[in-house]
Structure formats: structure tokens, C-alpha cells
Amino acid sequence: MNMKLGEYLREERKKLGLTQQDFVQNIISVSQYSRVENGEQDLKVSDFVKLISINNLDINQLIQTFQNNTQIKQTVLETLAQAFYDRDLTKVKKIKDYLKQSSLDNSLLLRTELIILTLENKDISHNKNLERQFSEELNKFDDWTNDKVFLQLFGSSMLIFDMDRLNIYMNKILSEYTNKIYSLSFEDQRRIAGICINYLNRCYSEKNLVLVNKSINLLNKLARNPDLLMYRLLGKYFKYLFNNENVKKDQILDLLKDAGYEKFTINLAK
């Protein structure tokens, strides 16, 4: 089946017997959504994922419908990220089961397996089998530092690499992006910033200081876009953490908790 996203959403909405207003629930305006259904306007992946979530659409059916569409890869990645944040192991396992039968690339399946192991509280650090698989995926392309799927894959695989190998990969990313990060698209800045945060988290737990300052420096160079506030704030958090400025560090933690990100703070180094 080769349907456009707008047609897919219209069909699913009608199956649910919902009006456009009921279907979007203020995620975007009804007028915007109407243009999406009619193929007159694109829909941000983040908004697409929200529509899938609030309307309980079947992610496996979505993968089957669009498995030859490049946008579905990003949609699956963001759905996995949300399921990880929600600690929804059942949803992640369902996605894994279908990915095994789909024609989507192996990197998505690897990421899903990694999330499952993490949610099951299994020790994935220095897992040589996973490290080999992830390294093979990362090394398939010389230009992986500019491939968003592989960057997502790298960002989720921090724990399986030994620090020497991780530092080599991270140095490539910092060399590629530090001097141009502020001029990139929001999605690209967000992706690279997320990698830096995961790396800093790992560095603190293993007392590795090799690229800490360079990673914090990149986060400080993000565009002063309100949508990137969280990443810039976390850059400050890690600066205070590594410098033992505990009062300032704890103030940021308290702020995140007050803003409703208590689940997120569970995974932050402290």
C-alpha cells in the first residue's frame, strides 16, 4: 500500500469516527490539519508522533503502510524515544516484533533491542555482541556523522562501547559540528545536542574527562531558540556537575522536576 501520510491519517480518523477537531486535540490547528489531510501541507514528525499516541493508532500497521517511506524511520525513532521515556516496555516489544518482519534497515531493530534491554534493567555496558553489531552499522558509511538515522543509533548506543572507542566516535562528531551547530536546522541541533548529553552522562559515571569541555562547549553554542532551551540548560547542568557546583546543579534538577520532567531526571548523572 502506497499512501501519503495525509491520506493515512484521514482514513484512520474516519475509522475512529472522529471529527478533525477531536482527532487533533489542539496539537495543531484544525485548519492546518485539514491541509495535511488534503496533501497541501507537511506535518512535523513530532506532531505526527503525538497524533499517533493520543489516538492510539497501531504503530505496526503504520510501519507496514509506509515501510518504503524514509519519513517512517524518523517516526519510528521518535515513537521509540517516547516509549522509552514512558518506560512502556510492551509498546517497544510490539515495535520490535514488527520490525523483524519489515524491510526497514537493521539500525532501527538494533535501537529497539537496546531500549528493551535498558527497560528490563539488564547490564548492557561493554556488551561485545551489541558493540560489534553497532560498530558494523556505524562503519557501513564513511559519512555516518551526517546521516540522521545513524546519529540516532549512535546516541542510543553509548553504554555498549568502551570509552576509548566512544571517544573516537565522539571526537568525529565534535569536529564535524562544533563550529556550525548554531546554523543548523532545529532537528539537527536537537539530535547532536542529545548525543552530547548522553555522552556527558556516560563520562561522569566513568570519570572520563577527555572531551567533556568540548561537549559542553558545543551545547553552549546552540542557537538561542526557545525550543532548544532544555539542551542549553542541560549543558549548564553538566558544567556544574563536573565542577562540583552542587547548589547550582540541584537548582536545575529541582526546576526540571517542577516542570514535570521527573522521569527524565531519573536517568541523569548526579
C-alpha atoms as a PDB file:
ATOM      1  CA  MET A   1       0.000   0.000   0.000  1.00  0.00           C
ATOM      2  CA  ASN A   2       1.497   3.361  -1.017  1.00  0.00           C
ATOM      3  CA  MET A   3      -0.483   6.094   0.671  1.00  0.00           C
ATOM      4  CA  LYS A   4       0.501   9.613   1.589  1.00  0.00           C
ATOM      5  CA  LEU A   5       0.561  10.476   5.268  1.00  0.00           C
ATOM      6  CA  GLY A   6      -2.416  12.789   4.938  1.00  0.00           C
ATOM      7  CA  GLU A   7      -4.496  10.077   3.318  1.00  0.00           C
ATOM      8  CA  TYR A   8      -3.442   7.618   6.007  1.00  0.00           C
ATOM      9  CA  LEU A   9      -4.470   9.997   8.801  1.00  0.00           C
ATOM     10  CA  ARG A  10      -7.814  10.755   7.143  1.00  0.00           C
ATOM     11  CA  GLU A  11      -8.580   7.050   6.823  1.00  0.00           C
ATOM     12  CA  GLU A  12      -7.624   6.333  10.447  1.00  0.00           C
ATOM     13  CA  ARG A  13      -9.632   9.314  11.707  1.00  0.00           C
ATOM     14  CA  LYS A  14     -12.728   8.140   9.870  1.00  0.00           C
ATOM     15  CA  LYS A  15     -12.296   4.617  11.252  1.00  0.00           C
ATOM     16  CA  LEU A  16     -12.409   6.145  14.725  1.00  0.00           C
ATOM     17  CA  GLY A  17     -15.479   8.201  13.842  1.00  0.00           C
ATOM     18  CA  LEU A  18     -13.805  11.445  14.931  1.00  0.00           C
ATOM     19  CA  THR A  19     -14.080  14.969  13.624  1.00  0.00           C
ATOM     20  CA  GLN A  20     -10.849  16.706  12.673  1.00  0.00           C
ATOM     21  CA  GLN A  21     -11.076  18.787  15.845  1.00  0.00           C
ATOM     22  CA  ASP A  22     -11.489  15.717  18.052  1.00  0.00           C
ATOM     23  CA  PHE A  23      -8.651  13.951  16.243  1.00  0.00           C
ATOM     24  CA  VAL A  24      -6.028  16.708  16.607  1.00  0.00           C
ATOM     25  CA  GLN A  25      -6.901  17.719  20.205  1.00  0.00           C
ATOM     26  CA  ASN A  26      -5.100  21.070  19.860  1.00  0.00           C
ATOM     27  CA  ILE A  27      -1.789  19.527  18.763  1.00  0.00           C
ATOM     28  CA  ILE A  28      -2.104  21.662  15.646  1.00  0.00           C
ATOM     29  CA  SER A  29      -4.965  23.840  14.452  1.00  0.00           C
ATOM     30  CA  VAL A  30      -7.874  22.252  12.607  1.00  0.00           C
ATOM     31  CA  SER A  31      -7.128  24.395   9.547  1.00  0.00           C
ATOM     32  CA  GLN A  32      -3.527  23.166   9.492  1.00  0.00           C
ATOM     33  CA  TYR A  33      -4.622  19.573   9.913  1.00  0.00           C
ATOM     34  CA  SER A  34      -7.168  19.913   7.127  1.00  0.00           C
ATOM     35  CA  ARG A  35      -4.375  20.997   4.785  1.00  0.00           C
ATOM     36  CA  VAL A  36      -2.321  17.973   5.903  1.00  0.00           C
ATOM     37  CA  GLU A  37      -5.151  15.575   5.054  1.00  0.00           C
ATOM     38  CA  ASN A  38      -5.521  17.224   1.655  1.00  0.00           C
ATOM     39  CA  GLY A  39      -1.807  16.966   0.919  1.00  0.00           C
ATOM     40  CA  GLU A  40      -1.344  20.743   0.929  1.00  0.00           C
ATOM     41  CA  GLN A  41       0.937  20.948   3.980  1.00  0.00           C
ATOM     42  CA  ASP A  42       3.606  18.777   5.575  1.00  0.00           C
ATOM     43  CA  LEU A  43       3.319  17.611   9.171  1.00  0.00           C
ATOM     44  CA  LYS A  44       6.254  17.760  11.568  1.00  0.00           C
ATOM     45  CA  VAL A  45       7.363  14.311  12.662  1.00  0.00           C
ATOM     46  CA  SER A  46       6.963  15.306  16.321  1.00  0.00           C
ATOM     47  CA  ASP A  47       3.314  16.289  15.704  1.00  0.00           C
ATOM     48  CA  PHE A  48       2.745  13.096  13.712  1.00  0.00           C
ATOM     49  CA  VAL A  49       4.020  11.038  16.654  1.00  0.00           C
ATOM     50  CA  LYS A  50       1.714  12.924  19.039  1.00  0.00           C
ATOM     51  CA  LEU A  51      -1.300  12.195  16.816  1.00  0.00           C
ATOM     52  CA  ILE A  52      -0.370   8.509  16.752  1.00  0.00           C
ATOM     53  CA  SER A  53      -0.074   8.474  20.536  1.00  0.00           C
ATOM     54  CA  ILE A  54      -3.222  10.364  21.578  1.00  0.00           C
ATOM     55  CA  ASN A  55      -5.396   8.410  19.145  1.00  0.00           C
ATOM     56  CA  ASN A  56      -3.802   5.031  19.953  1.00  0.00           C
ATOM     57  CA  LEU A  57      -3.050   4.291  16.311  1.00  0.00           C
ATOM     58  CA  ASP A  58      -1.368   0.955  15.614  1.00  0.00           C
ATOM     59  CA  ILE A  59       2.351   1.633  15.093  1.00  0.00           C
ATOM     60  CA  ASN A  60       2.809  -1.783  13.450  1.00  0.00           C
ATOM     61  CA  GLN A  61       0.169  -1.011  10.841  1.00  0.00           C
ATOM     62  CA  LEU A  62       1.846   2.334  10.279  1.00  0.00           C
ATOM     63  CA  ILE A  63       5.204   0.652   9.651  1.00  0.00           C
ATOM     64  CA  GLN A  64       3.606  -1.791   7.215  1.00  0.00           C
ATOM     65  CA  THR A  65       1.894   1.009   5.330  1.00  0.00           C
ATOM     66  CA  PHE A  66       4.963   3.207   4.991  1.00  0.00           C
ATOM     67  CA  GLN A  67       7.914   0.854   5.256  1.00  0.00           C
ATOM     68  CA  ASN A  68       9.342   2.184   1.967  1.00  0.00           C
ATOM     69  CA  ASN A  69       8.902   5.814   3.046  1.00  0.00           C
ATOM     70  CA  THR A  70      12.004   7.499   4.518  1.00  0.00           C
ATOM     71  CA  GLN A  71       9.868   9.569   6.909  1.00  0.00           C
ATOM     72  CA  ILE A  72       8.650   6.450   8.684  1.00  0.00           C
ATOM     73  CA  LYS A  73      12.163   5.804  10.016  1.00  0.00           C
ATOM     74  CA  GLN A  74      12.124   9.095  11.889  1.00  0.00           C
ATOM     75  CA  THR A  75       8.567   8.438  13.066  1.00  0.00           C
ATOM     76  CA  VAL A  76       9.577   5.052  14.484  1.00  0.00           C
ATOM     77  CA  LEU A  77      12.627   6.615  16.164  1.00  0.00           C
ATOM     78  CA  GLU A  78      10.538   9.277  17.883  1.00  0.00           C
ATOM     79  CA  THR A  79       7.871   6.755  18.883  1.00  0.00           C
ATOM     80  CA  LEU A  80      10.591   4.594  20.428  1.00  0.00           C
ATOM     81  CA  ALA A  81      12.030   7.614  22.232  1.00  0.00           C
ATOM     82  CA  GLN A  82       8.630   8.435  23.729  1.00  0.00           C
ATOM     83  CA  ALA A  83       8.052   4.800  24.722  1.00  0.00           C
ATOM     84  CA  PHE A  84      11.471   4.782  26.392  1.00  0.00           C
ATOM     85  CA  TYR A  85      10.647   7.962  28.313  1.00  0.00           C
ATOM     86  CA  ASP A  86       7.285   6.439  29.353  1.00  0.00           C
ATOM     87  CA  ARG A  87       9.076   3.163  30.186  1.00  0.00           C
ATOM     88  CA  ASP A  88       6.469   1.374  28.048  1.00  0.00           C
ATOM     89  CA  LEU A  89       8.197  -1.966  27.533  1.00  0.00           C
ATOM     90  CA  THR A  90       5.114  -3.570  25.968  1.00  0.00           C
ATOM     91  CA  LYS A  91       4.964  -0.987  23.177  1.00  0.00           C
ATOM     92  CA  VAL A  92       8.685  -1.294  22.442  1.00  0.00           C
ATOM     93  CA  LYS A  93       8.426  -5.091  22.190  1.00  0.00           C
ATOM     94  CA  LYS A  94       5.497  -4.787  19.775  1.00  0.00           C
ATOM     95  CA  ILE A  95       7.548  -2.476  17.575  1.00  0.00           C
ATOM     96  CA  LYS A  96      10.470  -4.917  17.678  1.00  0.00           C
ATOM     97  CA  ASP A  97       8.250  -7.840  16.626  1.00  0.00           C
ATOM     98  CA  TYR A  98       7.079  -5.987  13.569  1.00  0.00           C
ATOM     99  CA  LEU A  99      10.471  -4.547  12.637  1.00  0.00           C
ATOM    100  CA  LYS A 100      11.780  -8.110  12.411  1.00  0.00           C
ATOM    101  CA  GLN A 101       9.267  -8.717   9.620  1.00  0.00           C
ATOM    102  CA  SER A 102       9.611  -5.371   7.847  1.00  0.00           C
ATOM    103  CA  SER A 103      12.070  -4.156   5.221  1.00  0.00           C
ATOM    104  CA  LEU A 104      13.258  -1.226   7.337  1.00  0.00           C
ATOM    105  CA  ASP A 105      17.004  -1.111   7.931  1.00  0.00           C
ATOM    106  CA  ASN A 106      18.676  -3.061  10.710  1.00  0.00           C
ATOM    107  CA  SER A 107      19.666   0.030  12.706  1.00  0.00           C
ATOM    108  CA  LEU A 108      16.080   0.522  13.892  1.00  0.00           C
ATOM    109  CA  LEU A 109      15.894  -3.054  15.150  1.00  0.00           C
ATOM    110  CA  LEU A 110      19.201  -2.659  16.979  1.00  0.00           C
ATOM    111  CA  ARG A 111      17.995   0.508  18.659  1.00  0.00           C
ATOM    112  CA  THR A 112      14.787  -1.267  19.714  1.00  0.00           C
ATOM    113  CA  GLU A 113      16.723  -4.190  21.194  1.00  0.00           C
ATOM    114  CA  LEU A 114      18.904  -1.767  23.131  1.00  0.00           C
ATOM    115  CA  ILE A 115      15.870   0.016  24.592  1.00  0.00           C
ATOM    116  CA  ILE A 116      14.325  -3.305  25.647  1.00  0.00           C
ATOM    117  CA  LEU A 117      17.490  -4.361  27.465  1.00  0.00           C
ATOM    118  CA  THR A 118      17.637  -0.984  29.197  1.00  0.00           C
ATOM    119  CA  LEU A 119      13.986  -1.086  30.299  1.00  0.00           C
ATOM    120  CA  GLU A 120      14.496  -4.628  31.578  1.00  0.00           C
ATOM    121  CA  ASN A 121      17.362  -3.273  33.707  1.00  0.00           C
ATOM    122  CA  LYS A 122      19.859  -5.622  32.085  1.00  0.00           C
ATOM    123  CA  ASP A 123      23.532  -4.684  32.108  1.00  0.00           C
ATOM    124  CA  ILE A 124      24.419  -3.608  28.568  1.00  0.00           C
ATOM    125  CA  SER A 125      27.743  -1.976  29.362  1.00  0.00           C
ATOM    126  CA  HIS A 126      30.609  -3.462  27.351  1.00  0.00           C
ATOM    127  CA  ASN A 127      28.271  -5.974  25.689  1.00  0.00           C
ATOM    128  CA  LYS A 128      30.645  -7.225  22.997  1.00  0.00           C
ATOM    129  CA  ASN A 129      27.926  -8.679  20.783  1.00  0.00           C
ATOM    130  CA  LEU A 130      25.956  -5.430  20.743  1.00  0.00           C
ATOM    131  CA  GLU A 131      29.138  -3.398  20.343  1.00  0.00           C
ATOM    132  CA  ARG A 132      30.084  -5.446  17.292  1.00  0.00           C
ATOM    133  CA  GLN A 133      26.639  -5.042  15.707  1.00  0.00           C
ATOM    134  CA  PHE A 134      26.504  -1.311  16.359  1.00  0.00           C
ATOM    135  CA  SER A 135      30.061  -0.797  15.110  1.00  0.00           C
ATOM    136  CA  GLU A 136      29.228  -2.661  11.908  1.00  0.00           C
ATOM    137  CA  GLU A 137      26.237  -0.403  11.321  1.00  0.00           C
ATOM    138  CA  LEU A 138      28.211   2.768  12.075  1.00  0.00           C
ATOM    139  CA  ASN A 139      31.101   1.694   9.851  1.00  0.00           C
ATOM    140  CA  LYS A 140      28.957   0.898   6.808  1.00  0.00           C
ATOM    141  CA  PHE A 141      29.195   4.519   5.706  1.00  0.00           C
ATOM    142  CA  ASP A 142      32.208   6.825   5.788  1.00  0.00           C
ATOM    143  CA  ASP A 143      29.869   9.792   6.181  1.00  0.00           C
ATOM    144  CA  TRP A 144      27.817   8.443   9.089  1.00  0.00           C
ATOM    145  CA  THR A 145      28.277  11.702  11.018  1.00  0.00           C
ATOM    146  CA  ASN A 146      25.846  13.310   8.553  1.00  0.00           C
ATOM    147  CA  ASP A 147      23.282  10.504   8.476  1.00  0.00           C
ATOM    148  CA  LYS A 148      20.454  11.230  10.911  1.00  0.00           C
ATOM    149  CA  VAL A 149      19.446   7.589  11.389  1.00  0.00           C
ATOM    150  CA  PHE A 150      22.999   6.584  12.253  1.00  0.00           C
ATOM    151  CA  LEU A 151      23.371   9.594  14.540  1.00  0.00           C
ATOM    152  CA  GLN A 152      20.236   8.445  16.363  1.00  0.00           C
ATOM    153  CA  LEU A 153      21.718   4.964  16.525  1.00  0.00           C
ATOM    154  CA  PHE A 154      24.983   6.255  17.959  1.00  0.00           C
ATOM    155  CA  GLY A 155      23.179   8.415  20.505  1.00  0.00           C
ATOM    156  CA  SER A 156      21.312   5.407  21.859  1.00  0.00           C
ATOM    157  CA  SER A 157      24.326   3.083  21.988  1.00  0.00           C
ATOM    158  CA  MET A 158      26.621   4.987  24.371  1.00  0.00           C
ATOM    159  CA  LEU A 159      26.645   2.338  27.090  1.00  0.00           C
ATOM    160  CA  ILE A 160      27.826  -0.556  24.960  1.00  0.00           C
ATOM    161  CA  PHE A 161      31.115   0.965  23.774  1.00  0.00           C
ATOM    162  CA  ASP A 162      34.310   1.015  25.781  1.00  0.00           C
ATOM    163  CA  MET A 163      35.402   4.600  26.465  1.00  0.00           C
ATOM    164  CA  ASP A 164      38.338   4.556  24.041  1.00  0.00           C
ATOM    165  CA  ARG A 165      36.124   3.646  21.099  1.00  0.00           C
ATOM    166  CA  LEU A 166      33.378   6.002  22.271  1.00  0.00           C
ATOM    167  CA  ASN A 167      35.839   8.894  22.467  1.00  0.00           C
ATOM    168  CA  ILE A 168      36.965   8.237  18.885  1.00  0.00           C
ATOM    169  CA  TYR A 169      33.379   8.363  17.602  1.00  0.00           C
ATOM    170  CA  MET A 170      32.543  11.392  19.732  1.00  0.00           C
ATOM    171  CA  ASN A 171      35.602  13.289  18.545  1.00  0.00           C
ATOM    172  CA  LYS A 172      34.401  12.840  14.952  1.00  0.00           C
ATOM    173  CA  ILE A 173      31.026  14.346  15.827  1.00  0.00           C
ATOM    174  CA  LEU A 174      32.505  17.283  17.721  1.00  0.00           C
ATOM    175  CA  SER A 175      34.931  18.017  14.880  1.00  0.00           C
ATOM    176  CA  GLU A 176      32.073  17.934  12.384  1.00  0.00           C
ATOM    177  CA  TYR A 177      29.548  20.070  14.264  1.00  0.00           C
ATOM    178  CA  THR A 178      31.060  22.370  16.905  1.00  0.00           C
ATOM    179  CA  ASN A 179      31.770  25.325  14.625  1.00  0.00           C
ATOM    180  CA  LYS A 180      28.496  25.146  12.704  1.00  0.00           C
ATOM    181  CA  ILE A 181      25.956  23.825  15.204  1.00  0.00           C
ATOM    182  CA  TYR A 182      24.133  27.156  15.680  1.00  0.00           C
ATOM    183  CA  SER A 183      23.414  27.446  11.937  1.00  0.00           C
ATOM    184  CA  LEU A 184      21.817  24.012  11.510  1.00  0.00           C
ATOM    185  CA  SER A 185      18.117  23.186  11.487  1.00  0.00           C
ATOM    186  CA  PHE A 186      16.327  22.727  14.805  1.00  0.00           C
ATOM    187  CA  GLU A 187      16.095  18.957  14.302  1.00  0.00           C
ATOM    188  CA  ASP A 188      19.812  18.648  13.529  1.00  0.00           C
ATOM    189  CA  GLN A 189      20.793  20.761  16.548  1.00  0.00           C
ATOM    190  CA  ARG A 190      18.488  18.732  18.774  1.00  0.00           C
ATOM    191  CA  ARG A 191      19.943  15.456  17.521  1.00  0.00           C
ATOM    192  CA  ILE A 192      23.574  16.465  18.088  1.00  0.00           C
ATOM    193  CA  ALA A 193      22.774  18.049  21.454  1.00  0.00           C
ATOM    194  CA  GLY A 194      21.119  14.807  22.583  1.00  0.00           C
ATOM    195  CA  ILE A 195      24.269  12.892  21.681  1.00  0.00           C
ATOM    196  CA  CYS A 196      26.397  15.301  23.726  1.00  0.00           C
ATOM    197  CA  ILE A 197      24.119  14.921  26.745  1.00  0.00           C
ATOM    198  CA  ASN A 198      24.202  11.114  26.591  1.00  0.00           C
ATOM    199  CA  TYR A 199      27.977  11.237  26.229  1.00  0.00           C
ATOM    200  CA  LEU A 200      28.407  13.577  29.212  1.00  0.00           C
ATOM    201  CA  ASN A 201      26.182  11.303  31.289  1.00  0.00           C
ATOM    202  CA  ARG A 202      28.446   8.352  30.463  1.00  0.00           C
ATOM    203  CA  CYS A 203      31.614  10.385  31.057  1.00  0.00           C
ATOM    204  CA  TYR A 204      30.554  11.338  34.561  1.00  0.00           C
ATOM    205  CA  SER A 205      29.751   7.766  35.550  1.00  0.00           C
ATOM    206  CA  GLU A 206      33.176   6.577  34.341  1.00  0.00           C
ATOM    207  CA  LYS A 207      35.221   9.649  35.357  1.00  0.00           C
ATOM    208  CA  ASN A 208      36.278  10.221  31.757  1.00  0.00           C
ATOM    209  CA  LEU A 209      37.188  13.869  31.134  1.00  0.00           C
ATOM    210  CA  VAL A 210      38.727  13.625  27.647  1.00  0.00           C
ATOM    211  CA  LEU A 211      36.056  15.503  25.669  1.00  0.00           C
ATOM    212  CA  VAL A 212      33.867  16.875  28.458  1.00  0.00           C
ATOM    213  CA  ASN A 213      34.717  20.549  27.971  1.00  0.00           C
ATOM    214  CA  LYS A 214      34.380  20.298  24.189  1.00  0.00           C
ATOM    215  CA  SER A 215      30.946  18.668  24.536  1.00  0.00           C
ATOM    216  CA  ILE A 216      29.731  21.323  26.981  1.00  0.00           C
ATOM    217  CA  ASN A 217      31.133  23.989  24.647  1.00  0.00           C
ATOM    218  CA  LEU A 218      29.056  22.627  21.759  1.00  0.00           C
ATOM    219  CA  LEU A 219      25.897  22.756  23.879  1.00  0.00           C
ATOM    220  CA  ASN A 220      26.700  26.360  24.742  1.00  0.00           C
ATOM    221  CA  LYS A 221      26.885  27.165  21.019  1.00  0.00           C
ATOM    222  CA  LEU A 222      23.339  26.004  20.269  1.00  0.00           C
ATOM    223  CA  ALA A 223      21.082  28.652  18.771  1.00  0.00           C
ATOM    224  CA  ARG A 224      19.186  30.680  21.361  1.00  0.00           C
ATOM    225  CA  ASN A 225      15.935  29.132  20.227  1.00  0.00           C
ATOM    226  CA  PRO A 226      13.324  28.569  22.986  1.00  0.00           C
ATOM    227  CA  ASP A 227      12.778  25.060  21.616  1.00  0.00           C
ATOM    228  CA  LEU A 228      16.428  24.281  22.417  1.00  0.00           C
ATOM    229  CA  LEU A 229      16.220  25.611  25.969  1.00  0.00           C
ATOM    230  CA  MET A 230      16.276  22.139  27.540  1.00  0.00           C
ATOM    231  CA  TYR A 231      19.540  21.240  25.804  1.00  0.00           C
ATOM    232  CA  ARG A 232      21.254  24.501  26.714  1.00  0.00           C
ATOM    233  CA  LEU A 233      20.034  24.075  30.298  1.00  0.00           C
ATOM    234  CA  LEU A 234      21.444  20.558  30.459  1.00  0.00           C
ATOM    235  CA  GLY A 235      24.751  21.903  29.182  1.00  0.00           C
ATOM    236  CA  LYS A 236      24.807  24.155  32.244  1.00  0.00           C
ATOM    237  CA  TYR A 237      23.763  21.213  34.427  1.00  0.00           C
ATOM    238  CA  PHE A 238      26.756  19.140  33.351  1.00  0.00           C
ATOM    239  CA  LYS A 239      29.101  22.104  33.678  1.00  0.00           C
ATOM    240  CA  TYR A 240      28.031  22.487  37.318  1.00  0.00           C
ATOM    241  CA  LEU A 241      28.102  18.718  37.867  1.00  0.00           C
ATOM    242  CA  PHE A 242      31.684  18.300  36.655  1.00  0.00           C
ATOM    243  CA  ASN A 243      32.801  21.427  38.547  1.00  0.00           C
ATOM    244  CA  ASN A 244      31.161  20.244  41.792  1.00  0.00           C
ATOM    245  CA  GLU A 245      28.912  23.318  41.907  1.00  0.00           C
ATOM    246  CA  ASN A 246      26.213  21.335  43.674  1.00  0.00           C
ATOM    247  CA  VAL A 247      23.887  24.185  44.627  1.00  0.00           C
ATOM    248  CA  LYS A 248      23.508  25.327  41.011  1.00  0.00           C
ATOM    249  CA  LYS A 249      23.261  21.731  39.792  1.00  0.00           C
ATOM    250  CA  ASP A 250      20.480  20.946  42.274  1.00  0.00           C
ATOM    251  CA  GLN A 251      18.603  24.110  41.308  1.00  0.00           C
ATOM    252  CA  ILE A 252      18.407  22.853  37.724  1.00  0.00           C
ATOM    253  CA  LEU A 253      17.279  19.405  38.905  1.00  0.00           C
ATOM    254  CA  ASP A 254      14.527  20.964  41.013  1.00  0.00           C
ATOM    255  CA  LEU A 255      13.442  23.123  38.083  1.00  0.00           C
ATOM    256  CA  LEU A 256      13.166  20.092  35.796  1.00  0.00           C
ATOM    257  CA  LYS A 257      11.120  18.197  38.378  1.00  0.00           C
ATOM    258  CA  ASP A 258       8.796  21.163  38.930  1.00  0.00           C
ATOM    259  CA  ALA A 259       8.284  21.388  35.168  1.00  0.00           C
ATOM    260  CA  GLY A 260       7.114  17.753  35.043  1.00  0.00           C
ATOM    261  CA  TYR A 261      10.339  16.060  33.909  1.00  0.00           C
ATOM    262  CA  GLU A 262      10.871  13.900  36.982  1.00  0.00           C
ATOM    263  CA  LYS A 263      11.047  10.706  34.898  1.00  0.00           C
ATOM    264  CA  PHE A 264      13.707  12.311  32.734  1.00  0.00           C
ATOM    265  CA  THR A 265      15.860  13.222  35.728  1.00  0.00           C
ATOM    266  CA  ILE A 266      15.974   9.578  36.852  1.00  0.00           C
ATOM    267  CA  ASN A 267      18.492   8.832  34.105  1.00  0.00           C
ATOM    268  CA  LEU A 268      20.644  11.937  34.689  1.00  0.00           C
ATOM    269  CA  ALA A 269      24.031  11.534  36.341  1.00  0.00           C
ATOM    270  CA  LYS A 270      24.027  13.151  39.766  1.00  0.00           C
END
